[in-house]
């Protein structure tokens, strides 16, 4: 199942993001096997990080939510809001 994680940082949390980033990057490479896309969400200035966006394959929505809850960013309290939902690729056509 293709799922999307939209994870919105709490305001003024860039220090926490940077402090937790190495652990997050190490974890995500091991925890998520079938990436379609992963990267930060940026503010309008194109410089300020404001969250994370990940699209990946999982066996189920429940598995995707369970794995997302283990993210070091999540455990550190970085996120104000997390949306984990099914999605499907429309373009480019596969």
PDB file of N, CA and C in Angstrom:
ATOM      1  N   UNK A   1       0.842  -1.175   0.000  1.00  0.00           N
ATOM      2  CA  UNK A   1       0.000   0.000   0.000  1.00  0.00           C
ATOM      3  C   UNK A   1       0.884   1.234   0.000  1.00  0.00           C
ATOM      4  N   UNK A   2       0.598   2.156  -0.897  1.00  0.00           N
ATOM      5  CA  UNK A   2       1.336   3.408  -0.963  1.00  0.00           C
ATOM      6  C   UNK A   2       0.733   4.382   0.043  1.00  0.00           C
ATOM      7  N   UNK A   3       1.566   4.909   0.935  1.00  0.00           N
ATOM      8  CA  UNK A   3       1.090   5.860   1.939  1.00  0.00           C
ATOM      9  C   UNK A   3       1.960   7.109   1.943  1.00  0.00           C
ATOM     10  N   UNK A   4       1.359   8.189   2.439  1.00  0.00           N
ATOM     11  CA  UNK A   4       2.047   9.475   2.538  1.00  0.00           C
ATOM     12  C   UNK A   4       2.043   9.918   3.994  1.00  0.00           C
ATOM     13  N   UNK A   5       3.210  10.396   4.423  1.00  0.00           N
ATOM     14  CA  UNK A   5       3.328  11.023   5.739  1.00  0.00           C
ATOM     15  C   UNK A   5       3.535  12.516   5.516  1.00  0.00           C
ATOM     16  N   UNK A   6       2.674  13.329   6.070  1.00  0.00           N
ATOM     17  CA  UNK A   6       2.870  14.772   6.116  1.00  0.00           C
ATOM     18  C   UNK A   6       3.034  15.135   7.582  1.00  0.00           C
ATOM     19  N   UNK A   7       4.224  15.584   7.936  1.00  0.00           N
ATOM     20  CA  UNK A   7       4.575  15.841   9.329  1.00  0.00           C
ATOM     21  C   UNK A   7       4.951  17.307   9.465  1.00  0.00           C
ATOM     22  N   UNK A   8       4.146  18.060  10.199  1.00  0.00           N
ATOM     23  CA  UNK A   8       4.327  19.498  10.342  1.00  0.00           C
ATOM     24  C   UNK A   8       5.044  19.813  11.654  1.00  0.00           C
ATOM     25  N   UNK A   9       6.165  20.518  11.554  1.00  0.00           N
ATOM     26  CA  UNK A   9       6.944  20.880  12.742  1.00  0.00           C
ATOM     27  C   UNK A   9       6.190  21.864  13.627  1.00  0.00           C
ATOM     28  N   UNK A  10       6.462  21.797  14.919  1.00  0.00           N
ATOM     29  CA  UNK A  10       5.970  22.809  15.846  1.00  0.00           C
ATOM     30  C   UNK A  10       6.678  24.125  15.549  1.00  0.00           C
ATOM     31  N   UNK A  11       6.048  25.258  15.829  1.00  0.00           N
ATOM     32  CA  UNK A  11       6.716  26.547  15.614  1.00  0.00           C
ATOM     33  C   UNK A  11       8.013  26.635  16.419  1.00  0.00           C
ATOM     34  N   UNK A  12       8.983  27.311  15.845  1.00  0.00           N
ATOM     35  CA  UNK A  12      10.263  27.580  16.510  1.00  0.00           C
ATOM     36  C   UNK A  12      10.970  26.302  16.976  1.00  0.00           C
ATOM     37  N   UNK A  13      10.928  25.274  16.147  1.00  0.00           N
ATOM     38  CA  UNK A  13      11.515  23.998  16.546  1.00  0.00           C
ATOM     39  C   UNK A  13      12.727  23.609  15.700  1.00  0.00           C
ATOM     40  N   UNK A  14      13.313  24.571  15.003  1.00  0.00           N
ATOM     41  CA  UNK A  14      14.430  24.231  14.114  1.00  0.00           C
ATOM     42  C   UNK A  14      15.630  23.670  14.874  1.00  0.00           C
ATOM     43  N   UNK A  15      15.884  24.135  16.088  1.00  0.00           N
ATOM     44  CA  UNK A  15      16.996  23.587  16.874  1.00  0.00           C
ATOM     45  C   UNK A  15      16.768  22.109  17.196  1.00  0.00           C
ATOM     46  N   UNK A  16      15.539  21.762  17.564  1.00  0.00           N
ATOM     47  CA  UNK A  16      15.209  20.364  17.851  1.00  0.00           C
ATOM     48  C   UNK A  16      15.349  19.517  16.587  1.00  0.00           C
ATOM     49  N   UNK A  17      14.907  20.034  15.448  1.00  0.00           N
ATOM     50  CA  UNK A  17      15.038  19.308  14.170  1.00  0.00           C
ATOM     51  C   UNK A  17      16.507  19.039  13.871  1.00  0.00           C
ATOM     52  N   UNK A  18      17.351  20.038  13.988  1.00  0.00           N
ATOM     53  CA  UNK A  18      18.770  19.877  13.661  1.00  0.00           C
ATOM     54  C   UNK A  18      19.469  18.933  14.645  1.00  0.00           C
ATOM     55  N   UNK A  19      19.082  19.016  15.908  1.00  0.00           N
ATOM     56  CA  UNK A  19      19.679  18.144  16.925  1.00  0.00           C
ATOM     57  C   UNK A  19      19.312  16.681  16.678  1.00  0.00           C
ATOM     58  N   UNK A  20      18.089  16.430  16.223  1.00  0.00           N
ATOM     59  CA  UNK A  20      17.574  15.073  16.039  1.00  0.00           C
ATOM     60  C   UNK A  20      17.842  14.537  14.633  1.00  0.00           C
ATOM     61  N   UNK A  21      18.235  15.389  13.713  1.00  0.00           N
ATOM     62  CA  UNK A  21      18.367  15.016  12.295  1.00  0.00           C
ATOM     63  C   UNK A  21      19.273  13.810  12.033  1.00  0.00           C
ATOM     64  N   UNK A  22      20.485  13.746  12.601  1.00  0.00           N
ATOM     65  CA  UNK A  22      21.330  12.573  12.320  1.00  0.00           C
ATOM     66  C   UNK A  22      20.662  11.250  12.700  1.00  0.00           C
ATOM     67  N   UNK A  23      20.025  11.216  13.862  1.00  0.00           N
ATOM     68  CA  UNK A  23      19.338  10.007  14.308  1.00  0.00           C
ATOM     69  C   UNK A  23      18.157   9.680  13.385  1.00  0.00           C
ATOM     70  N   UNK A  24      17.417  10.724  12.978  1.00  0.00           N
ATOM     71  CA  UNK A  24      16.284  10.540  12.059  1.00  0.00           C
ATOM     72  C   UNK A  24      16.750   9.957  10.725  1.00  0.00           C
ATOM     73  N   UNK A  25      17.805  10.518  10.141  1.00  0.00           N
ATOM     74  CA  UNK A  25      18.282  10.048   8.845  1.00  0.00           C
ATOM     75  C   UNK A  25      18.781   8.602   8.916  1.00  0.00           C
ATOM     76  N   UNK A  26      19.482   8.270   9.978  1.00  0.00           N
ATOM     77  CA  UNK A  26      19.962   6.900  10.152  1.00  0.00           C
ATOM     78  C   UNK A  26      18.787   5.935  10.301  1.00  0.00           C
ATOM     79  N   UNK A  27      17.808   6.329  11.108  1.00  0.00           N
ATOM     80  CA  UNK A  27      16.637   5.493  11.347  1.00  0.00           C
ATOM     81  C   UNK A  27      15.834   5.281  10.071  1.00  0.00           C
ATOM     82  N   UNK A  28      15.580   6.338   9.330  1.00  0.00           N
ATOM     83  CA  UNK A  28      14.676   6.237   8.187  1.00  0.00           C
ATOM     84  C   UNK A  28      15.244   5.349   7.076  1.00  0.00           C
ATOM     85  N   UNK A  29      16.553   5.359   6.915  1.00  0.00           N
ATOM     86  CA  UNK A  29      17.164   4.493   5.905  1.00  0.00           C
ATOM     87  C   UNK A  29      16.978   3.025   6.241  1.00  0.00           C
ATOM     88  N   UNK A  30      16.884   2.701   7.524  1.00  0.00           N
ATOM     89  CA  UNK A  30      16.691   1.314   7.952  1.00  0.00           C
ATOM     90  C   UNK A  30      15.211   0.939   8.034  1.00  0.00           C
ATOM     91  N   UNK A  31      14.371   1.875   8.446  1.00  0.00           N
ATOM     92  CA  UNK A  31      12.973   1.572   8.751  1.00  0.00           C
ATOM     93  C   UNK A  31      12.062   1.565   7.531  1.00  0.00           C
ATOM     94  N   UNK A  32      12.371   2.396   6.542  1.00  0.00           N
ATOM     95  CA  UNK A  32      11.500   2.523   5.371  1.00  0.00           C
ATOM     96  C   UNK A  32      12.233   1.940   4.173  1.00  0.00           C
ATOM     97  N   UNK A  33      11.680   0.890   3.595  1.00  0.00           N
ATOM     98  CA  UNK A  33      12.386   0.145   2.546  1.00  0.00           C
ATOM     99  C   UNK A  33      12.018   0.566   1.131  1.00  0.00           C
ATOM    100  N   UNK A  34      10.784   0.911   0.879  1.00  0.00           N
ATOM    101  CA  UNK A  34      10.332   1.170  -0.488  1.00  0.00           C
ATOM    102  C   UNK A  34       9.877   2.618  -0.656  1.00  0.00           C
ATOM    103  N   UNK A  35      10.853   3.531  -0.684  1.00  0.00           N
ATOM    104  CA  UNK A  35      10.570   4.947  -0.861  1.00  0.00           C
ATOM    105  C   UNK A  35      10.113   5.258  -2.279  1.00  0.00           C
ATOM    106  N   UNK A  36       9.164   6.157  -2.392  1.00  0.00           N
ATOM    107  CA  UNK A  36       8.845   6.810  -3.662  1.00  0.00           C
ATOM    108  C   UNK A  36       9.394   8.230  -3.624  1.00  0.00           C
ATOM    109  N   UNK A  37       9.323   8.836  -2.427  1.00  0.00           N
ATOM    110  CA  UNK A  37       9.811  10.205  -2.236  1.00  0.00           C
ATOM    111  C   UNK A  37      10.002  10.437  -0.747  1.00  0.00           C
ATOM    112  N   UNK A  38      11.039  11.187  -0.406  1.00  0.00           N
ATOM    113  CA  UNK A  38      11.230  11.623   0.975  1.00  0.00           C
ATOM    114  C   UNK A  38      11.998  12.935   0.962  1.00  0.00           C
ATOM    115  N   UNK A  39      11.560  13.880   1.764  1.00  0.00           N
ATOM    116  CA  UNK A  39      12.268  15.143   1.863  1.00  0.00           C
ATOM    117  C   UNK A  39      11.560  16.096   2.803  1.00  0.00           C
ATOM    118  N   UNK A  40      12.204  17.216   3.076  1.00  0.00           N
ATOM    119  CA  UNK A  40      11.611  18.204   3.983  1.00  0.00           C
ATOM    120  C   UNK A  40      10.561  19.048   3.268  1.00  0.00           C
ATOM    121  N   UNK A  41       9.601  19.519   4.036  1.00  0.00           N
ATOM    122  CA  UNK A  41       8.692  20.562   3.552  1.00  0.00           C
ATOM    123  C   UNK A  41       9.356  21.892   3.912  1.00  0.00           C
ATOM    124  N   UNK A  42       9.309  22.820   2.975  1.00  0.00           N
ATOM    125  CA  UNK A  42       9.987  24.097   3.143  1.00  0.00           C
ATOM    126  C   UNK A  42       8.973  25.236   3.271  1.00  0.00           C
ATOM    127  N   UNK A  43       9.369  26.281   3.991  1.00  0.00           N
ATOM    128  CA  UNK A  43       8.564  27.497   4.045  1.00  0.00           C
ATOM    129  C   UNK A  43       8.665  28.220   2.712  1.00  0.00           C
ATOM    130  N   UNK A  44       7.868  29.238   2.532  1.00  0.00           N
ATOM    131  CA  UNK A  44       7.839  29.980   1.272  1.00  0.00           C
ATOM    132  C   UNK A  44       9.183  30.579   0.895  1.00  0.00           C
ATOM    133  N   UNK A  45      10.054  30.811   1.881  1.00  0.00           N
ATOM    134  CA  UNK A  45      11.368  31.381   1.576  1.00  0.00           C
ATOM    135  C   UNK A  45      12.313  30.368   0.930  1.00  0.00           C
ATOM    136  N   UNK A  46      11.902  29.099   0.886  1.00  0.00           N
ATOM    137  CA  UNK A  46      12.715  28.057   0.273  1.00  0.00           C
ATOM    138  C   UNK A  46      13.924  27.649   1.095  1.00  0.00           C
ATOM    139  N   UNK A  47      14.052  28.165   2.284  1.00  0.00           N
ATOM    140  CA  UNK A  47      15.200  27.894   3.140  1.00  0.00           C
ATOM    141  C   UNK A  47      14.816  27.263   4.476  1.00  0.00           C
ATOM    142  N   UNK A  48      13.718  27.725   5.048  1.00  0.00           N
ATOM    143  CA  UNK A  48      13.319  27.301   6.381  1.00  0.00           C
ATOM    144  C   UNK A  48      12.564  25.980   6.314  1.00  0.00           C
ATOM    145  N   UNK A  49      13.031  24.997   7.081  1.00  0.00           N
ATOM    146  CA  UNK A  49      12.364  23.699   7.140  1.00  0.00           C
ATOM    147  C   UNK A  49      11.132  23.810   8.019  1.00  0.00           C
ATOM    148  N   UNK A  50      10.025  23.216   7.557  1.00  0.00           N
ATOM    149  CA  UNK A  50       8.798  23.285   8.351  1.00  0.00           C
ATOM    150  C   UNK A  50       8.117  21.934   8.525  1.00  0.00           C
ATOM    151  N   UNK A  51       8.743  20.870   8.052  1.00  0.00           N
ATOM    152  CA  UNK A  51       8.142  19.562   8.225  1.00  0.00           C
ATOM    153  C   UNK A  51       8.793  18.526   7.335  1.00  0.00           C
ATOM    154  N   UNK A  52       8.160  17.368   7.257  1.00  0.00           N
ATOM    155  CA  UNK A  52       8.668  16.258   6.462  1.00  0.00           C
ATOM    156  C   UNK A  52       7.549  15.694   5.607  1.00  0.00           C
ATOM    157  N   UNK A  53       7.920  15.222   4.415  1.00  0.00           N
ATOM    158  CA  UNK A  53       6.983  14.559   3.521  1.00  0.00           C
ATOM    159  C   UNK A  53       7.627  13.264   3.043  1.00  0.00           C
ATOM    160  N   UNK A  54       6.932  12.166   3.249  1.00  0.00           N
ATOM    161  CA  UNK A  54       7.445  10.859   2.838  1.00  0.00           C
ATOM    162  C   UNK A  54       6.322  10.104   2.151  1.00  0.00           C
ATOM    163  N   UNK A  55       6.641   9.537   1.004  1.00  0.00           N
ATOM    164  CA  UNK A  55       5.720   8.649   0.296  1.00  0.00           C
ATOM    165  C   UNK A  55       6.466   7.332   0.116  1.00  0.00           C
ATOM    166  N   UNK A  56       5.866   6.251   0.600  1.00  0.00           N
ATOM    167  CA  UNK A  56       6.534   4.950   0.556  1.00  0.00           C
ATOM    168  C   UNK A  56       5.504   3.826   0.583  1.00  0.00           C
ATOM    169  N   UNK A  57       5.950   2.647   0.174  1.00  0.00           N
ATOM    170  CA  UNK A  57       5.124   1.440   0.189  1.00  0.00           C
ATOM    171  C   UNK A  57       5.229   0.745   1.546  1.00  0.00           C
ATOM    172  N   UNK A  58       4.078   0.313   2.063  1.00  0.00           N
ATOM    173  CA  UNK A  58       4.009  -0.471   3.285  1.00  0.00           C
ATOM    174  C   UNK A  58       3.013  -1.596   3.076  1.00  0.00           C
ATOM    175  N   UNK A  59       3.047  -2.599   3.926  1.00  0.00           N
ATOM    176  CA  UNK A  59       2.112  -3.716   3.814  1.00  0.00           C
ATOM    177  C   UNK A  59       0.680  -3.286   4.117  1.00  0.00           C
ATOM    178  N   UNK A  60       0.530  -2.284   4.987  1.00  0.00           N
ATOM    179  CA  UNK A  60      -0.805  -1.821   5.377  1.00  0.00           C
ATOM    180  C   UNK A  60      -0.704  -0.394   5.915  1.00  0.00           C
ATOM    181  N   UNK A  61      -1.846   0.255   6.027  1.00  0.00           N
ATOM    182  CA  UNK A  61      -1.895   1.586   6.628  1.00  0.00           C
ATOM    183  C   UNK A  61      -1.466   1.520   8.089  1.00  0.00           C
ATOM    184  N   UNK A  62      -1.870   0.480   8.767  1.00  0.00           N
ATOM    185  CA  UNK A  62      -1.498   0.319  10.173  1.00  0.00           C
ATOM    186  C   UNK A  62       0.018   0.199  10.331  1.00  0.00           C
ATOM    187  N   UNK A  63       0.668  -0.559   9.434  1.00  0.00           N
ATOM    188  CA  UNK A  63       2.123  -0.684   9.484  1.00  0.00           C
ATOM    189  C   UNK A  63       2.784   0.673   9.239  1.00  0.00           C
ATOM    190  N   UNK A  64       2.277   1.416   8.279  1.00  0.00           N
ATOM    191  CA  UNK A  64       2.828   2.740   7.985  1.00  0.00           C
ATOM    192  C   UNK A  64       2.727   3.650   9.206  1.00  0.00           C
ATOM    193  N   UNK A  65       1.584   3.649   9.854  1.00  0.00           N
ATOM    194  CA  UNK A  65       1.393   4.494  11.049  1.00  0.00           C
ATOM    195  C   UNK A  65       2.299   4.049  12.191  1.00  0.00           C
ATOM    196  N   UNK A  66       2.450   2.759  12.361  1.00  0.00           N
ATOM    197  CA  UNK A  66       3.318   2.237  13.423  1.00  0.00           C
ATOM    198  C   UNK A  66       4.773   2.644  13.182  1.00  0.00           C
ATOM    199  N   UNK A  67       5.235   2.494  11.959  1.00  0.00           N
ATOM    200  CA  UNK A  67       6.616   2.861  11.651  1.00  0.00           C
ATOM    201  C   UNK A  67       6.813   4.368  11.797  1.00  0.00           C
ATOM    202  N   UNK A  68       5.861   5.158  11.344  1.00  0.00           N
ATOM    203  CA  UNK A  68       5.992   6.618  11.489  1.00  0.00           C
ATOM    204  C   UNK A  68       6.099   7.004  12.963  1.00  0.00           C
ATOM    205  N   UNK A  69       5.365   6.322  13.823  1.00  0.00           N
ATOM    206  CA  UNK A  69       5.387   6.670  15.253  1.00  0.00           C
ATOM    207  C   UNK A  69       6.734   6.379  15.896  1.00  0.00           C
ATOM    208  N   UNK A  70       7.585   5.598  15.223  1.00  0.00           N
ATOM    209  CA  UNK A  70       8.916   5.286  15.735  1.00  0.00           C
ATOM    210  C   UNK A  70       9.989   6.264  15.254  1.00  0.00           C
ATOM    211  N   UNK A  71       9.616   7.199  14.395  1.00  0.00           N
ATOM    212  CA  UNK A  71      10.558   8.194  13.877  1.00  0.00           C
ATOM    213  C   UNK A  71      11.160   8.992  15.039  1.00  0.00           C
ATOM    214  N   UNK A  72      12.481   9.116  15.103  1.00  0.00           N
ATOM    215  CA  UNK A  72      13.103   9.920  16.160  1.00  0.00           C
ATOM    216  C   UNK A  72      12.563  11.353  16.227  1.00  0.00           C
ATOM    217  N   UNK A  73      12.209  11.949  15.097  1.00  0.00           N
ATOM    218  CA  UNK A  73      11.575  13.270  15.119  1.00  0.00           C
ATOM    219  C   UNK A  73      10.265  13.213  15.903  1.00  0.00           C
ATOM    220  N   UNK A  74       9.472  12.201  15.636  1.00  0.00           N
ATOM    221  CA  UNK A  74       8.183  12.034  16.323  1.00  0.00           C
ATOM    222  C   UNK A  74       8.411  11.832  17.822  1.00  0.00           C
ATOM    223  N   UNK A  75       9.337  10.943  18.154  1.00  0.00           N
ATOM    224  CA  UNK A  75       9.617  10.651  19.559  1.00  0.00           C
ATOM    225  C   UNK A  75      10.167  11.864  20.308  1.00  0.00           C
ATOM    226  N   UNK A  76      10.895  12.739  19.605  1.00  0.00           N
ATOM    227  CA  UNK A  76      11.465  13.932  20.233  1.00  0.00           C
ATOM    228  C   UNK A  76      10.431  15.041  20.418  1.00  0.00           C
ATOM    229  N   UNK A  77       9.238  14.862  19.855  1.00  0.00           N
ATOM    230  CA  UNK A  77       8.195  15.877  19.996  1.00  0.00           C
ATOM    231  C   UNK A  77       8.307  17.005  18.990  1.00  0.00           C
ATOM    232  N   UNK A  78       8.959  16.765  17.858  1.00  0.00           N
ATOM    233  CA  UNK A  78       9.150  17.816  16.847  1.00  0.00           C
ATOM    234  C   UNK A  78       7.847  18.214  16.169  1.00  0.00           C
ATOM    235  N   UNK A  79       6.953  17.270  15.974  1.00  0.00           N
ATOM    236  CA  UNK A  79       5.797  17.528  15.127  1.00  0.00           C
ATOM    237  C   UNK A  79       4.595  18.083  15.878  1.00  0.00           C
ATOM    238  N   UNK A  80       3.984  19.090  15.265  1.00  0.00           N
ATOM    239  CA  UNK A  80       2.731  19.653  15.762  1.00  0.00           C
ATOM    240  C   UNK A  80       1.546  18.825  15.264  1.00  0.00           C
ATOM    241  N   UNK A  81       1.681  18.320  14.033  1.00  0.00           N
ATOM    242  CA  UNK A  81       0.605  17.551  13.407  1.00  0.00           C
ATOM    243  C   UNK A  81       1.217  16.522  12.465  1.00  0.00           C
ATOM    244  N   UNK A  82       0.662  15.323  12.465  1.00  0.00           N
ATOM    245  CA  UNK A  82       1.096  14.257  11.557  1.00  0.00           C
ATOM    246  C   UNK A  82      -0.136  13.684  10.862  1.00  0.00           C
ATOM    247  N   UNK A  83      -0.058  13.599   9.538  1.00  0.00           N
ATOM    248  CA  UNK A  83      -1.112  12.962   8.741  1.00  0.00           C
ATOM    249  C   UNK A  83      -0.475  11.775   8.031  1.00  0.00           C
ATOM    250  N   UNK A  84      -1.019  10.591   8.237  1.00  0.00           N
ATOM    251  CA  UNK A  84      -0.584   9.386   7.532  1.00  0.00           C
ATOM    252  C   UNK A  84      -1.811   8.870   6.798  1.00  0.00           C
ATOM    253  N   UNK A  85      -1.728   8.827   5.460  1.00  0.00           N
ATOM    254  CA  UNK A  85      -2.899   8.430   4.696  1.00  0.00           C
ATOM    255  C   UNK A  85      -2.503   7.646   3.441  1.00  0.00           C
ATOM    256  N   UNK A  86      -3.425   6.822   2.950  1.00  0.00           N
ATOM    257  CA  UNK A  86      -3.167   6.126   1.695  1.00  0.00           C
ATOM    258  C   UNK A  86      -3.121   7.139   0.546  1.00  0.00           C
ATOM    259  N   UNK A  87      -2.364   6.806  -0.471  1.00  0.00           N
ATOM    260  CA  UNK A  87      -2.319   7.634  -1.666  1.00  0.00           C
ATOM    261  C   UNK A  87      -2.111   6.712  -2.863  1.00  0.00           C
ATOM    262  N   UNK A  88      -2.127   7.265  -4.049  1.00  0.00           N
ATOM    263  CA  UNK A  88      -1.788   6.481  -5.232  1.00  0.00           C
ATOM    264  C   UNK A  88      -1.100   7.386  -6.235  1.00  0.00           C
ATOM    265  N   UNK A  89      -0.224   6.808  -6.991  1.00  0.00           N
ATOM    266  CA  UNK A  89       0.539   7.562  -7.980  1.00  0.00           C
ATOM    267  C   UNK A  89      -0.280   7.677  -9.260  1.00  0.00           C
ATOM    268  N   UNK A  90      -0.519   8.910  -9.688  1.00  0.00           N
ATOM    269  CA  UNK A  90      -1.226   9.157 -10.936  1.00  0.00           C
ATOM    270  C   UNK A  90      -0.259   9.588 -12.036  1.00  0.00           C
ATOM    271  N   UNK A  91       0.704  10.443 -11.663  1.00  0.00           N
ATOM    272  CA  UNK A  91       1.700  10.927 -12.624  1.00  0.00           C
ATOM    273  C   UNK A  91       3.054  10.940 -11.962  1.00  0.00           C
ATOM    274  N   UNK A  92       4.116  10.641 -12.641  1.00  0.00           N
ATOM    275  CA  UNK A  92       4.027  10.063 -13.968  1.00  0.00           C
ATOM    276  C   UNK A  92       3.393   8.686 -13.904  1.00  0.00           C
ATOM    277  N   UNK A  93       2.749   8.311 -14.973  1.00  0.00           N
ATOM    278  CA  UNK A  93       2.074   7.021 -15.010  1.00  0.00           C
ATOM    279  C   UNK A  93       3.084   5.901 -14.891  1.00  0.00           C
ATOM    280  N   UNK A  94       2.713   4.899 -14.102  1.00  0.00           N
ATOM    281  CA  UNK A  94       3.610   3.749 -13.904  1.00  0.00           C
ATOM    282  C   UNK A  94       3.057   2.510 -14.562  1.00  0.00           C
TER     283      UNK A  94
END
